[in-house]
Amino acid sequence: MSASDNEPGTDEGLSFEEMLATVKDDAPEPHVERTAADLEAVFDVPVRISVVLGRTKMPVSELLKLDTGTVIELDRQVGEAVEIFINERLVARGEIVLVESKLGVTMTEIIKPQ
């Protein structure tokens, strides 16, 4: 028997029954109802929210010619849904709205993770 046989965290030297008991101890807990208070610890964590109005591609030579007032054609139509990203992950689609002379976005569809 080696010194590592009795060290915590090693499976060497354990009987089959002891290893099985360890696996059962690691089993997930039964479903517990969660509330908003359970998330209180992360309420102040900042996240980056981005809304993508559309995209386009252009060569660097055209990019260097852009000036104030230049119109860039995007791949979206007026009224088409915009993409809402949180920390660079697509989470929803929405519509652009005007709120007290400022632009905003209303979520119209939440994207489920795959």
C-alpha atoms as a PDB file:
ATOM      1  CA  MET A   1       0.000   0.000   0.000  1.00  0.00           C
ATOM      2  CA  SER A   2       1.469   3.360  -1.037  1.00  0.00           C
ATOM      3  CA  ALA A   3       1.186   6.729   0.689  1.00  0.00           C
ATOM      4  CA  SER A   4      -1.220   7.970  -2.011  1.00  0.00           C
ATOM      5  CA  ASP A   5      -3.738   5.203  -1.205  1.00  0.00           C
ATOM      6  CA  ASN A   6      -5.153   7.147   1.712  1.00  0.00           C
ATOM      7  CA  GLU A   7      -4.904  10.689   0.294  1.00  0.00           C
ATOM      8  CA  PRO A   8      -8.209  12.460  -0.251  1.00  0.00           C
ATOM      9  CA  GLY A   9      -9.129  12.943  -3.917  1.00  0.00           C
ATOM     10  CA  THR A  10      -7.433   9.766  -5.172  1.00  0.00           C
ATOM     11  CA  ASP A  11      -9.318   6.643  -6.237  1.00  0.00           C
ATOM     12  CA  GLU A  12      -6.385   4.287  -5.729  1.00  0.00           C
ATOM     13  CA  GLY A  13      -6.891   1.763  -2.933  1.00  0.00           C
ATOM     14  CA  LEU A  14     -10.648   2.304  -2.689  1.00  0.00           C
ATOM     15  CA  SER A  15     -12.973  -0.643  -2.881  1.00  0.00           C
ATOM     16  CA  PHE A  16     -15.650  -0.740  -5.560  1.00  0.00           C
ATOM     17  CA  GLU A  17     -18.315   0.037  -2.961  1.00  0.00           C
ATOM     18  CA  GLU A  18     -16.345   3.068  -1.686  1.00  0.00           C
ATOM     19  CA  MET A  19     -15.910   4.398  -5.232  1.00  0.00           C
ATOM     20  CA  LEU A  20     -19.635   3.871  -5.896  1.00  0.00           C
ATOM     21  CA  ALA A  21     -20.499   5.757  -2.701  1.00  0.00           C
ATOM     22  CA  THR A  22     -18.266   8.636  -3.844  1.00  0.00           C
ATOM     23  CA  VAL A  23     -20.046   8.806  -7.215  1.00  0.00           C
ATOM     24  CA  LYS A  24     -23.443   8.816  -5.489  1.00  0.00           C
ATOM     25  CA  ASP A  25     -22.291  11.661  -3.217  1.00  0.00           C
ATOM     26  CA  ASP A  26     -21.430  13.702  -6.339  1.00  0.00           C
ATOM     27  CA  ALA A  27     -24.879  13.123  -7.901  1.00  0.00           C
ATOM     28  CA  PRO A  28     -26.867  16.283  -8.638  1.00  0.00           C
ATOM     29  CA  GLU A  29     -29.253  17.469  -5.975  1.00  0.00           C
ATOM     30  CA  PRO A  30     -32.990  17.208  -6.636  1.00  0.00           C
ATOM     31  CA  HIS A  31     -34.586  20.204  -8.386  1.00  0.00           C
ATOM     32  CA  VAL A  32     -34.942  23.139  -6.009  1.00  0.00           C
ATOM     33  CA  GLU A  33     -37.178  26.083  -6.827  1.00  0.00           C
ATOM     34  CA  ARG A  34     -35.018  29.199  -7.376  1.00  0.00           C
ATOM     35  CA  THR A  35     -36.044  32.815  -6.862  1.00  0.00           C
ATOM     36  CA  ALA A  36     -34.612  36.170  -7.928  1.00  0.00           C
ATOM     37  CA  ALA A  37     -33.056  36.491  -4.458  1.00  0.00           C
ATOM     38  CA  ASP A  38     -30.820  33.510  -5.329  1.00  0.00           C
ATOM     39  CA  LEU A  39     -29.206  35.656  -8.027  1.00  0.00           C
ATOM     40  CA  GLU A  40     -28.580  38.659  -5.793  1.00  0.00           C
ATOM     41  CA  ALA A  41     -24.818  38.011  -5.769  1.00  0.00           C
ATOM     42  CA  VAL A  42     -24.591  38.649  -9.531  1.00  0.00           C
ATOM     43  CA  PHE A  43     -26.938  41.637  -9.801  1.00  0.00           C
ATOM     44  CA  ASP A  44     -24.006  44.105  -9.865  1.00  0.00           C
ATOM     45  CA  VAL A  45     -21.897  42.185 -12.415  1.00  0.00           C
ATOM     46  CA  PRO A  46     -21.534  44.389 -15.511  1.00  0.00           C
ATOM     47  CA  VAL A  47     -22.340  42.925 -18.931  1.00  0.00           C
ATOM     48  CA  ARG A  48     -21.806  44.393 -22.386  1.00  0.00           C
ATOM     49  CA  ILE A  49     -24.995  44.717 -24.453  1.00  0.00           C
ATOM     50  CA  SER A  50     -24.662  45.316 -28.185  1.00  0.00           C
ATOM     51  CA  VAL A  51     -27.381  45.801 -30.779  1.00  0.00           C
ATOM     52  CA  VAL A  52     -26.409  45.083 -34.375  1.00  0.00           C
ATOM     53  CA  LEU A  53     -28.363  47.172 -36.861  1.00  0.00           C
ATOM     54  CA  GLY A  54     -26.795  45.396 -39.823  1.00  0.00           C
ATOM     55  CA  ARG A  55     -23.530  44.447 -41.483  1.00  0.00           C
ATOM     56  CA  THR A  56     -21.614  45.179 -44.644  1.00  0.00           C
ATOM     57  CA  LYS A  57     -18.263  44.349 -46.202  1.00  0.00           C
ATOM     58  CA  MET A  58     -15.984  46.778 -47.952  1.00  0.00           C
ATOM     59  CA  PRO A  59     -12.335  46.915 -48.960  1.00  0.00           C
ATOM     60  CA  VAL A  60      -9.954  48.951 -46.811  1.00  0.00           C
ATOM     61  CA  SER A  61      -9.541  51.434 -49.674  1.00  0.00           C
ATOM     62  CA  GLU A  62     -13.265  52.322 -49.447  1.00  0.00           C
ATOM     63  CA  LEU A  63     -13.107  52.399 -45.643  1.00  0.00           C
ATOM     64  CA  LEU A  64     -10.351  55.014 -45.814  1.00  0.00           C
ATOM     65  CA  LYS A  65     -12.536  57.203 -48.053  1.00  0.00           C
ATOM     66  CA  LEU A  66     -15.395  57.397 -45.496  1.00  0.00           C
ATOM     67  CA  ASP A  67     -16.146  60.857 -44.170  1.00  0.00           C
ATOM     68  CA  THR A  68     -18.725  62.535 -41.964  1.00  0.00           C
ATOM     69  CA  GLY A  69     -22.152  62.125 -43.557  1.00  0.00           C
ATOM     70  CA  THR A  70     -21.230  59.101 -45.649  1.00  0.00           C
ATOM     71  CA  VAL A  71     -24.098  56.619 -45.892  1.00  0.00           C
ATOM     72  CA  ILE A  72     -23.141  52.964 -45.489  1.00  0.00           C
ATOM     73  CA  GLU A  73     -25.616  50.455 -46.894  1.00  0.00           C
ATOM     74  CA  LEU A  74     -26.320  47.582 -44.488  1.00  0.00           C
ATOM     75  CA  ASP A  75     -27.706  44.108 -45.122  1.00  0.00           C
ATOM     76  CA  ARG A  76     -31.026  44.814 -43.339  1.00  0.00           C
ATOM     77  CA  GLN A  77     -34.300  46.364 -44.440  1.00  0.00           C
ATOM     78  CA  VAL A  78     -36.145  49.103 -42.533  1.00  0.00           C
ATOM     79  CA  GLY A  79     -38.324  47.422 -39.902  1.00  0.00           C
ATOM     80  CA  GLU A  80     -36.359  44.159 -39.943  1.00  0.00           C
ATOM     81  CA  ALA A  81     -35.361  42.730 -36.549  1.00  0.00           C
ATOM     82  CA  VAL A  82     -32.003  43.730 -35.064  1.00  0.00           C
ATOM     83  CA  GLU A  83     -29.735  41.318 -33.163  1.00  0.00           C
ATOM     84  CA  ILE A  84     -29.135  41.788 -29.426  1.00  0.00           C
ATOM     85  CA  PHE A  85     -25.886  40.421 -28.030  1.00  0.00           C
ATOM     86  CA  ILE A  86     -24.872  40.119 -24.374  1.00  0.00           C
ATOM     87  CA  ASN A  87     -21.126  39.638 -23.901  1.00  0.00           C
ATOM     88  CA  GLU A  88     -20.812  38.806 -27.619  1.00  0.00           C
ATOM     89  CA  ARG A  89     -23.448  36.036 -27.445  1.00  0.00           C
ATOM     90  CA  LEU A  90     -26.666  36.362 -29.468  1.00  0.00           C
ATOM     91  CA  VAL A  91     -29.513  36.285 -26.934  1.00  0.00           C
ATOM     92  CA  ALA A  92     -32.435  38.035 -28.629  1.00  0.00           C
ATOM     93  CA  ARG A  93     -33.827  39.916 -31.588  1.00  0.00           C
ATOM     94  CA  GLY A  94     -35.770  43.131 -31.366  1.00  0.00           C
ATOM     95  CA  GLU A  95     -37.036  46.336 -32.908  1.00  0.00           C
ATOM     96  CA  ILE A  96     -35.565  49.817 -32.691  1.00  0.00           C
ATOM     97  CA  VAL A  97     -37.791  52.273 -30.802  1.00  0.00           C
ATOM     98  CA  LEU A  98     -37.611  55.957 -29.951  1.00  0.00           C
ATOM     99  CA  VAL A  99     -37.821  56.724 -26.210  1.00  0.00           C
ATOM    100  CA  GLU A 100     -37.808  60.420 -25.264  1.00  0.00           C
ATOM    101  CA  SER A 101     -35.601  61.386 -28.235  1.00  0.00           C
ATOM    102  CA  LYS A 102     -33.187  58.476 -27.599  1.00  0.00           C
ATOM    103  CA  LEU A 103     -32.892  55.218 -29.500  1.00  0.00           C
ATOM    104  CA  GLY A 104     -33.807  52.024 -27.694  1.00  0.00           C
ATOM    105  CA  VAL A 105     -34.581  48.437 -28.537  1.00  0.00           C
ATOM    106  CA  THR A 106     -37.589  46.295 -27.663  1.00  0.00           C
ATOM    107  CA  MET A 107     -36.949  42.555 -27.449  1.00  0.00           C
ATOM    108  CA  THR A 108     -39.366  40.648 -29.649  1.00  0.00           C
ATOM    109  CA  GLU A 109     -37.736  37.204 -29.603  1.00  0.00           C
ATOM    110  CA  ILE A 110     -35.444  35.497 -27.094  1.00  0.00           C
ATOM    111  CA  ILE A 111     -32.952  33.066 -28.605  1.00  0.00           C
ATOM    112  CA  LYS A 112     -32.684  29.796 -26.673  1.00  0.00           C
ATOM    113  CA  PRO A 113     -29.150  28.430 -26.210  1.00  0.00           C
ATOM    114  CA  GLN A 114     -28.382  25.395 -28.363  1.00  0.00           C
END
